C-alpha atoms as a PDB file:
ATOM      1  CA  ARG A   1      -6.064 -19.839  12.737  1.00  0.00           C
ATOM      2  CA  MET A   2      -7.800 -19.368  16.082  1.00  0.00           C
ATOM      3  CA  LEU A   3      -6.479 -22.692  17.322  1.00  0.00           C
ATOM      4  CA  ARG A   4      -2.938 -21.959  16.141  1.00  0.00           C
ATOM      5  CA  SER A   5      -2.976 -18.606  17.899  1.00  0.00           C
ATOM      6  CA  MET A   6      -4.046 -20.290  21.153  1.00  0.00           C
ATOM      7  CA  ALA A   7      -1.095 -22.665  20.967  1.00  0.00           C
ATOM      8  CA  SER A   8       1.263 -19.722  21.398  1.00  0.00           C
ATOM      9  CA  ILE A   9      -0.358 -18.393  24.599  1.00  0.00           C
ATOM     10  CA  PRO A  10       0.835 -20.818  27.359  1.00  0.00           C
ATOM     11  CA  GLN A  11       3.820 -19.655  29.420  1.00  0.00           C
ATOM     12  CA  THR A  12       3.764 -16.141  27.925  1.00  0.00           C
ATOM     13  CA  GLY A  13       3.844 -14.169  31.144  1.00  0.00           C
ATOM     14  CA  SER A  14       1.468 -13.264  33.933  1.00  0.00           C
ATOM     15  CA  GLY A  15      -2.188 -14.003  33.295  1.00  0.00           C
ATOM     16  CA  TRP A  16      -1.727 -16.386  30.381  1.00  0.00           C
ATOM     17  CA  PRO A  17      -4.364 -18.886  31.683  1.00  0.00           C
ATOM     18  CA  ASP A  18      -6.975 -16.095  31.615  1.00  0.00           C
ATOM     19  CA  ARG A  19      -5.999 -15.139  28.070  1.00  0.00           C
ATOM     20  CA  LEU A  20      -6.192 -18.769  26.937  1.00  0.00           C
ATOM     21  CA  LEU A  21      -9.566 -19.274  28.631  1.00  0.00           C
ATOM     22  CA  SER A  22     -10.911 -16.147  26.927  1.00  0.00           C
ATOM     23  CA  ARG A  23      -9.885 -17.463  23.485  1.00  0.00           C
ATOM     24  CA  LEU A  24     -11.370 -20.900  24.237  1.00  0.00           C
ATOM     25  CA  GLY A  25     -14.588 -19.213  25.338  1.00  0.00           C
ATOM     26  CA  LYS A  26     -14.857 -17.337  22.058  1.00  0.00           C
ATOM     27  CA  LEU A  27     -14.282 -20.511  20.081  1.00  0.00           C
ATOM     28  CA  HIS A  28     -16.947 -22.339  22.114  1.00  0.00           C
ATOM     29  CA  LEU A  29     -19.349 -19.431  21.580  1.00  0.00           C
ATOM     30  CA  LEU A  30     -18.724 -19.631  17.827  1.00  0.00           C
ATOM     31  CA  VAL A  31     -19.574 -23.334  17.754  1.00  0.00           C
ATOM     32  CA  GLU A  32     -22.740 -22.708  19.790  1.00  0.00           C
ATOM     33  CA  GLY A  33     -23.691 -19.814  17.530  1.00  0.00           C
ATOM     34  CA  TRP A  34     -23.261 -21.944  14.395  1.00  0.00           C
ATOM     35  CA  GLN A  35     -25.499 -24.666  15.821  1.00  0.00           C
ATOM     36  CA  GLN A  36     -28.222 -22.137  16.664  1.00  0.00           C
ATOM     37  CA  GLN A  37     -27.702 -19.636  13.873  1.00  0.00           C
ATOM     38  CA  GLN A  38     -31.285 -19.797  12.590  1.00  0.00           C
ATOM     39  CA  GLN A  39     -32.423 -18.171  15.833  1.00  0.00           C
ATOM     40  CA  LEU A  40     -30.012 -15.234  15.472  1.00  0.00           C
ATOM     41  CA  PRO A  41     -30.358 -11.870  13.665  1.00  0.00           C
ATOM     42  CA  ALA A  42     -29.252 -11.841  10.030  1.00  0.00           C
ATOM     43  CA  GLN A  43     -26.148  -9.707  10.614  1.00  0.00           C
ATOM     44  CA  LEU A  44     -24.972 -11.973  13.428  1.00  0.00           C
ATOM     45  CA  GLN A  45     -25.516 -15.006  11.179  1.00  0.00           C
ATOM     46  CA  ALA A  46     -23.333 -13.304   8.566  1.00  0.00           C
ATOM     47  CA  GLU A  47     -20.615 -12.699  11.164  1.00  0.00           C
ATOM     48  CA  ILE A  48     -20.624 -16.353  12.242  1.00  0.00           C
ATOM     49  CA  ARG A  49     -20.349 -17.528   8.636  1.00  0.00           C
ATOM     50  CA  THR A  50     -17.392 -15.196   8.117  1.00  0.00           C
ATOM     51  CA  GLN A  51     -15.702 -16.447  11.295  1.00  0.00           C
ATOM     52  CA  ILE A  52     -15.895 -20.084  10.186  1.00  0.00           C
ATOM     53  CA  GLY A  53     -14.496 -19.280   6.748  1.00  0.00           C
ATOM     54  CA  TRP A  54     -17.285 -18.327   4.347  1.00  0.00           C
ATOM     55  CA  THR A  55     -16.198 -15.737   1.792  1.00  0.00           C
ATOM     56  CA  TYR A  56     -17.877 -13.108  -0.365  1.00  0.00           C
ATOM     57  CA  THR A  57     -16.869 -12.310  -3.929  1.00  0.00           C
ATOM     58  CA  GLN A  58     -15.976  -8.776  -4.982  1.00  0.00           C
ATOM     59  CA  ASP A  59     -18.892  -8.811  -7.441  1.00  0.00           C
ATOM     60  CA  GLU A  60     -21.366  -9.672  -4.663  1.00  0.00           C
ATOM     61  CA  LEU A  61     -20.144  -6.793  -2.539  1.00  0.00           C
ATOM     62  CA  LEU A  62     -19.799  -4.192  -5.271  1.00  0.00           C
ATOM     63  CA  ALA A  63     -23.382  -4.820  -6.380  1.00  0.00           C
ATOM     64  CA  GLN A  64     -24.522  -3.277  -3.079  1.00  0.00           C
ATOM     65  CA  SER A  65     -24.809   0.400  -2.247  1.00  0.00           C
ATOM     66  CA  GLY A  66     -21.938   1.810  -0.212  1.00  0.00           C
ATOM     67  CA  TRP A  67     -20.997   4.633   2.144  1.00  0.00           C
ATOM     68  CA  ARG A  68     -19.528   7.762   0.563  1.00  0.00           C
ATOM     69  CA  ASP A  69     -17.256   9.897   2.723  1.00  0.00           C
ATOM     70  CA  ARG A  70     -13.862  11.505   2.970  1.00  0.00           C
ATOM     71  CA  TRP A  71     -11.707   8.683   4.320  1.00  0.00           C
ATOM     72  CA  TYR A  72      -8.562   9.396   6.317  1.00  0.00           C
ATOM     73  CA  VAL A  73      -5.913   6.685   5.954  1.00  0.00           C
ATOM     74  CA  LEU A  74      -4.775   6.221   9.561  1.00  0.00           C
ATOM     75  CA  GLY A  75      -2.192   3.454   9.237  1.00  0.00           C
ATOM     76  CA  GLN A  76      -1.607  -0.137   8.284  1.00  0.00           C
ATOM     77  CA  ARG A  77      -0.514  -3.395   9.862  1.00  0.00           C
ATOM     78  CA  ILE A  78       1.229  -6.204   7.991  1.00  0.00           C
ATOM     79  CA  GLU A  79       1.264  -9.690   9.501  1.00  0.00           C
ATOM     80  CA  ALA A  80       2.665 -12.999   8.255  1.00  0.00           C
ATOM     81  CA  HIS A  81       0.525 -16.131   8.600  1.00  0.00           C
ATOM     82  CA  ALA A  82       1.337 -19.802   8.174  1.00  0.00           C
ATOM     83  CA  ALA A  83      -0.442 -21.247   5.137  1.00  0.00           C
ATOM     84  CA  GLY A  84       1.099 -24.648   4.532  1.00  0.00           C
ATOM     85  CA  VAL A  85       4.305 -24.309   2.548  1.00  0.00           C
ATOM     86  CA  ALA A  86       3.275 -20.932   1.100  1.00  0.00           C
ATOM     87  CA  LYS A  87       3.890 -17.575   2.691  1.00  0.00           C
ATOM     88  CA  LEU A  88       0.684 -15.637   3.355  1.00  0.00           C
ATOM     89  CA  THR A  89       0.805 -11.977   4.331  1.00  0.00           C
ATOM     90  CA  GLU A  90      -2.188 -10.047   5.666  1.00  0.00           C
ATOM     91  CA  GLN A  91      -2.237  -6.316   4.952  1.00  0.00           C
ATOM     92  CA  ARG A  92      -4.767  -4.398   7.038  1.00  0.00           C
ATOM     93  CA  ILE A  93      -5.275  -0.709   6.160  1.00  0.00           C
ATOM     94  CA  TRP A  94      -7.312   1.371   8.601  1.00  0.00           C
ATOM     95  CA  LEU A  95      -9.517   4.270   7.476  1.00  0.00           C
ATOM     96  CA  TRP A  96     -11.713   6.787   9.286  1.00  0.00           C
ATOM     97  CA  GLY A  97     -14.754   8.460   7.719  1.00  0.00           C
ATOM     98  CA  GLU A  98     -14.993  12.205   8.318  1.00  0.00           C
ATOM     99  CA  THR A  99     -18.775  12.713   8.295  1.00  0.00           C
ATOM    100  CA  GLY A 100     -19.780   9.200   9.322  1.00  0.00           C
ATOM    101  CA  ASP A 101     -17.258   9.225  12.179  1.00  0.00           C
ATOM    102  CA  ARG A 102     -16.660   5.496  11.680  1.00  0.00           C
ATOM    103  CA  ALA A 103     -13.753   3.176  10.969  1.00  0.00           C
ATOM    104  CA  ALA A 104     -13.176   0.865   8.019  1.00  0.00           C
ATOM    105  CA  ALA A 105     -10.553  -1.750   7.258  1.00  0.00           C
ATOM    106  CA  ILE A 106      -9.271  -2.627   3.801  1.00  0.00           C
ATOM    107  CA  VAL A 107      -7.879  -6.168   4.156  1.00  0.00           C
ATOM    108  CA  ARG A 108      -5.786  -7.918   1.536  1.00  0.00           C
ATOM    109  CA  TYR A 109      -4.092 -11.325   1.653  1.00  0.00           C
ATOM    110  CA  VAL A 110      -0.910 -11.561  -0.364  1.00  0.00           C
ATOM    111  CA  HIS A 111       0.578 -14.932  -1.376  1.00  0.00           C
ATOM    112  CA  GLY A 112       4.292 -15.488  -1.778  1.00  0.00           C
ATOM    113  CA  SER A 113       6.066 -12.565  -3.421  1.00  0.00           C
ATOM    114  CA  GLU A 114       2.929 -10.718  -4.582  1.00  0.00           C
ATOM    115  CA  PRO A 115       3.185  -6.937  -4.027  1.00  0.00           C
ATOM    116  CA  LEU A 116       1.284  -5.167  -1.263  1.00  0.00           C
ATOM    117  CA  ASP A 117      -1.513  -2.692  -1.990  1.00  0.00           C
ATOM    118  CA  LEU A 118       0.084   0.758  -2.268  1.00  0.00           C
ATOM    119  CA  SER A 119      -3.070   2.651  -3.273  1.00  0.00           C
ATOM    120  CA  TRP A 120      -3.884   3.616   0.331  1.00  0.00           C
ATOM    121  CA  GLN A 121      -1.024   5.659   1.792  1.00  0.00           C
ATOM    122  CA  PRO A 122      -1.198   6.403   5.543  1.00  0.00           C
ATOM    123  CA  GLY A 123      -1.334  10.121   6.183  1.00  0.00           C
ATOM    124  CA  THR A 124      -3.569  10.879   3.193  1.00  0.00           C
ATOM    125  CA  ALA A 125      -7.292  11.468   2.716  1.00  0.00           C
ATOM    126  CA  VAL A 126      -9.489  10.499  -0.224  1.00  0.00           C
ATOM    127  CA  GLU A 127     -13.169  10.812  -1.051  1.00  0.00           C
ATOM    128  CA  ALA A 128     -14.568   7.408  -1.924  1.00  0.00           C
ATOM    129  CA  GLU A 129     -17.539   5.088  -1.628  1.00  0.00           C
ATOM    130  CA  LEU A 130     -16.907   1.928   0.420  1.00  0.00           C
ATOM    131  CA  VAL A 131     -19.024  -1.202   0.668  1.00  0.00           C
ATOM    132  CA  PHE A 132     -18.866  -3.041   3.988  1.00  0.00           C
ATOM    133  CA  TYR A 133     -18.868  -6.797   4.391  1.00  0.00           C
ATOM    134  CA  PRO A 134     -21.987  -8.151   6.143  1.00  0.00           C
ATOM    135  CA  SER A 135     -21.209  -8.284   9.851  1.00  0.00           C
ATOM    136  CA  ALA A 136     -22.643  -7.796  13.313  1.00  0.00           C
ATOM    137  CA  TYR A 137     -20.245  -4.832  13.558  1.00  0.00           C
ATOM    138  CA  PRO A 138     -19.153  -3.871  10.031  1.00  0.00           C
ATOM    139  CA  LEU A 139     -15.483  -2.922   9.748  1.00  0.00           C
ATOM    140  CA  ARG A 140     -14.006  -4.666   6.738  1.00  0.00           C
ATOM    141  CA  ALA A 141     -14.792  -2.947   3.438  1.00  0.00           C
ATOM    142  CA  VAL A 142     -13.858  -2.678  -0.219  1.00  0.00           C
ATOM    143  CA  MET A 143     -13.706   0.479  -2.322  1.00  0.00           C
ATOM    144  CA  LYS A 144     -16.479   0.754  -4.881  1.00  0.00           C
ATOM    145  CA  THR A 145     -15.769   4.201  -6.372  1.00  0.00           C
ATOM    146  CA  GLN A 146     -13.012   6.774  -5.834  1.00  0.00           C
ATOM    147  CA  PHE A 147     -14.072  10.395  -6.330  1.00  0.00           C
ATOM    148  CA  SER A 148     -10.838  12.303  -5.661  1.00  0.00           C
ATOM    149  CA  GLU A 149      -7.098  11.955  -5.700  1.00  0.00           C
ATOM    150  CA  PRO A 150      -5.424  11.425  -2.309  1.00  0.00           C
ATOM    151  CA  ILE A 151      -4.356  14.595  -0.506  1.00  0.00           C
ATOM    152  CA  PRO A 152      -2.213  15.008   2.623  1.00  0.00           C
ATOM    153  CA  SER A 153      -4.348  14.494   5.719  1.00  0.00           C
ATOM    154  CA  PRO A 154      -4.429  17.685   7.838  1.00  0.00           C
ATOM    155  CA  LYS A 155      -5.301  16.054  11.164  1.00  0.00           C
ATOM    156  CA  MET A 156      -5.685  12.897  13.232  1.00  0.00           C
ATOM    157  CA  PRO A 157      -9.436  12.251  13.444  1.00  0.00           C
ATOM    158  CA  GLY A 158     -11.012   9.941  15.986  1.00  0.00           C
ATOM    159  CA  TYR A 159     -11.809   9.959  19.692  1.00  0.00           C
ATOM    160  CA  ALA A 160     -11.356  12.939  22.004  1.00  0.00           C
ATOM    161  CA  SER A 161     -10.642  10.718  25.020  1.00  0.00           C
ATOM    162  CA  ILE A 162      -9.668   7.194  26.016  1.00  0.00           C
ATOM    163  CA  SER A 163     -12.961   6.789  27.862  1.00  0.00           C
ATOM    164  CA  ALA A 164     -14.893   7.518  24.653  1.00  0.00           C
ATOM    165  CA  ALA A 165     -12.703   5.057  22.716  1.00  0.00           C
ATOM    166  CA  LEU A 166     -13.213   2.255  25.265  1.00  0.00           C
ATOM    167  CA  ALA A 167     -16.961   2.909  25.329  1.00  0.00           C
ATOM    168  CA  ALA A 168     -17.007   2.464  21.550  1.00  0.00           C
ATOM    169  CA  TYR A 169     -14.984  -0.736  21.920  1.00  0.00           C
ATOM    170  CA  ALA A 170     -17.435  -2.093  24.524  1.00  0.00           C
ATOM    171  CA  ALA A 171     -20.376  -1.398  22.189  1.00  0.00           C
ATOM    172  CA  ALA A 172     -18.559  -3.075  19.300  1.00  0.00           C
ATOM    173  CA  LEU A 173     -17.727  -6.130  21.412  1.00  0.00           C
ATOM    174  CA  ALA A 174     -21.338  -6.407  22.540  1.00  0.00           C
ATOM    175  CA  ALA A 175     -22.391  -6.548  18.898  1.00  0.00           C
ATOM    176  CA  ASN A 176     -19.565  -8.864  17.788  1.00  0.00           C
ATOM    177  CA  PRO A 177     -17.936 -10.951  20.553  1.00  0.00           C
ATOM    178  CA  TRP A 178     -15.335 -12.319  18.085  1.00  0.00           C
ATOM    179  CA  LEU A 179     -13.923  -8.871  17.366  1.00  0.00           C
ATOM    180  CA  GLU A 180     -10.118  -8.896  17.427  1.00  0.00           C
ATOM    181  CA  GLY A 181      -8.173  -5.766  16.487  1.00  0.00           C
ATOM    182  CA  PHE A 182     -10.195  -2.627  17.184  1.00  0.00           C
ATOM    183  CA  PRO A 183      -9.027   0.716  15.723  1.00  0.00           C
ATOM    184  CA  ILE A 184      -8.476   3.511  18.258  1.00  0.00           C
ATOM    185  CA  PRO A 185      -7.367   6.892  16.888  1.00  0.00           C
ATOM    186  CA  LEU A 186      -6.827   9.419  19.705  1.00  0.00           C
ATOM    187  CA  MET A 187      -6.790  13.043  18.688  1.00  0.00           C
ATOM    188  CA  ALA A 188      -4.574  14.051  21.626  1.00  0.00           C
ATOM    189  CA  CYS A 189      -2.501  12.029  24.095  1.00  0.00           C
ATOM    190  CA  VAL A 190       0.978  12.045  25.621  1.00  0.00           C
ATOM    191  CA  PRO A 191       3.199   8.924  25.743  1.00  0.00           C
ATOM    192  CA  HIS A 192       4.825   8.239  29.133  1.00  0.00           C
ATOM    193  CA  ARG A 193       7.251   5.759  30.744  1.00  0.00           C
ATOM    194  CA  ARG A 194       9.447   5.234  27.666  1.00  0.00           C
ATOM    195  CA  GLY A 195       6.381   4.773  25.503  1.00  0.00           C
ATOM    196  CA  GLU A 196       4.745   2.120  27.702  1.00  0.00           C
ATOM    197  CA  VAL A 197       1.481   4.024  28.248  1.00  0.00           C
ATOM    198  CA  ALA A 198      -0.467   6.848  26.587  1.00  0.00           C
ATOM    199  CA  ILE A 199      -2.206   9.447  28.771  1.00  0.00           C
ATOM    200  CA  ASP A 200      -5.059  11.543  27.388  1.00  0.00           C
ATOM    201  CA  LEU A 201      -6.067  15.087  28.372  1.00  0.00           C
ATOM    202  CA  ASP A 202      -8.374  13.666  31.093  1.00  0.00           C
ATOM    203  CA  ASN A 203      -5.357  11.928  32.649  1.00  0.00           C
ATOM    204  CA  VAL A 204      -6.679   8.482  31.705  1.00  0.00           C
ATOM    205  CA  GLY A 205      -4.073   5.948  30.573  1.00  0.00           C
ATOM    206  CA  LEU A 206      -4.046   3.261  27.894  1.00  0.00           C
ATOM    207  CA  PRO A 207      -1.307   0.580  28.087  1.00  0.00           C
ATOM    208  CA  ILE A 208       0.848   0.266  24.994  1.00  0.00           C
ATOM    209  CA  SER A 209       1.629  -3.233  23.712  1.00  0.00           C
ATOM    210  CA  PRO A 210       4.845  -4.799  25.061  1.00  0.00           C
ATOM    211  CA  THR A 211       5.547  -5.915  21.482  1.00  0.00           C
ATOM    212  CA  PHE A 212       5.892  -2.274  20.416  1.00  0.00           C
ATOM    213  CA  ASN A 213       9.657  -1.719  20.243  1.00  0.00           C
ATOM    214  CA  GLN A 214       9.708   1.928  19.158  1.00  0.00           C
ATOM    215  CA  GLY A 215       8.865   3.507  22.481  1.00  0.00           C
ATOM    216  CA  TRP A 216      11.814   5.889  22.426  1.00  0.00           C
ATOM    217  CA  GLN A 217      10.936   7.022  18.893  1.00  0.00           C
ATOM    218  CA  LEU A 218       7.374   7.649  20.048  1.00  0.00           C
ATOM    219  CA  MET A 219       8.642   9.706  22.990  1.00  0.00           C
ATOM    220  CA  ALA A 220      10.850  11.721  20.621  1.00  0.00           C
ATOM    221  CA  VAL A 221       7.934  12.423  18.277  1.00  0.00           C
ATOM    222  CA  SER A 222       5.896  13.699  21.226  1.00  0.00           C
ATOM    223  CA  GLY A 223       8.631  15.642  23.007  1.00  0.00           C
ATOM    224  CA  GLY A 224       6.398  15.632  26.066  1.00  0.00           C
ATOM    225  CA  GLU A 225       3.526  17.318  24.205  1.00  0.00           C
ATOM    226  CA  ALA A 226       0.139  15.945  23.200  1.00  0.00           C
ATOM    227  CA  ILE A 227       0.049  14.311  19.776  1.00  0.00           C
ATOM    228  CA  GLY A 228      -2.462  12.412  17.679  1.00  0.00           C
ATOM    229  CA  LEU A 229      -1.878   8.679  17.924  1.00  0.00           C
ATOM    230  CA  PHE A 230      -3.493   5.723  16.158  1.00  0.00           C
ATOM    231  CA  GLY A 231      -3.230   2.033  16.943  1.00  0.00           C
ATOM    232  CA  GLU A 232      -4.984  -1.324  17.285  1.00  0.00           C
ATOM    233  CA  TRP A 233      -6.543  -2.252  20.625  1.00  0.00           C
ATOM    234  CA  ASN A 234      -6.963  -5.975  21.442  1.00  0.00           C
ATOM    235  CA  GLY A 235      -8.772  -5.581  24.749  1.00  0.00           C
ATOM    236  CA  GLU A 236      -5.538  -5.679  26.749  1.00  0.00           C
ATOM    237  CA  ASP A 237      -3.061  -3.299  25.130  1.00  0.00           C
ATOM    238  CA  TRP A 238      -2.691  -0.824  22.278  1.00  0.00           C
ATOM    239  CA  LEU A 239      -0.276  -1.220  19.359  1.00  0.00           C
ATOM    240  CA  PRO A 240       0.652   2.184  17.846  1.00  0.00           C
ATOM    241  CA  LEU A 241       0.777   2.292  14.048  1.00  0.00           C
ATOM    242  CA  SER A 242       1.017   6.024  13.322  1.00  0.00           C
ATOM    243  CA  ALA A 243       1.279   9.443  14.954  1.00  0.00           C
ATOM    244  CA  PHE A 244       0.399  12.995  13.937  1.00  0.00           C
ATOM    245  CA  ALA A 245       2.581  15.746  15.402  1.00  0.00           C
ATOM    246  CA  GLU A 246       3.534  19.240  14.216  1.00  0.00           C
ATOM    247  CA  GLN A 247       1.450  18.811  11.045  1.00  0.00           C
ATOM    248  CA  ARG A 248       3.290  15.678   9.922  1.00  0.00           C
ATOM    249  CA  TRP A 249       2.600  11.940  10.014  1.00  0.00           C
ATOM    250  CA  VAL A 250       5.017   9.400  11.468  1.00  0.00           C
ATOM    251  CA  LEU A 251       4.526   5.693  10.739  1.00  0.00           C
ATOM    252  CA  PHE A 252       5.633   2.859  13.029  1.00  0.00           C
END
């Protein structure tokens, strides 16, 4: 998958050699890490095994103790992947824990015409216990026990500023250099320039992904006022997935 994604980078606009070199560097680092894994901390070993394709069964994970919290369902991203002749769809649902102040990702791979997981609806909150996959920076999780029915989420939780969000991203990347999509929920920001950038209350900007084609809708949701906005950050730009404005959720 990493190699296939690199094949699509050349000739994709300004700076593509740097982007390709960065991906090659991560792949080289993974190979070096695998060859020297016995010298690494246990959680980093687990991350390397996951990156090269090792899997964990649901039973293995659910046998462990989890993290109980009220989880806000921030949004989801659905991506199609090539898997031979079969269609493979990745569904990534992002959550945010209220007391733990941490993110979690429920990831499901759907083959062919299998239905998507509809149990986590963006814009709702549910009390549940999650178990995280072993990782140098745990994000992916599975639900072990649900303690309440979903209720409408009354707010956009997350970071108060872009600086705080990028500091969290830097810490995550230091722990796991193979980190890809990083969840950034901003509690208050204003979209500008036809939805090409988001400005927080400290007047710091975060570039919005050029692949995001709903800039005008985002501007309309904001109306020039600060809104809650959630999206995935890849180290270069931010892809909005949901917004919270005037006590209602809008999904992109």
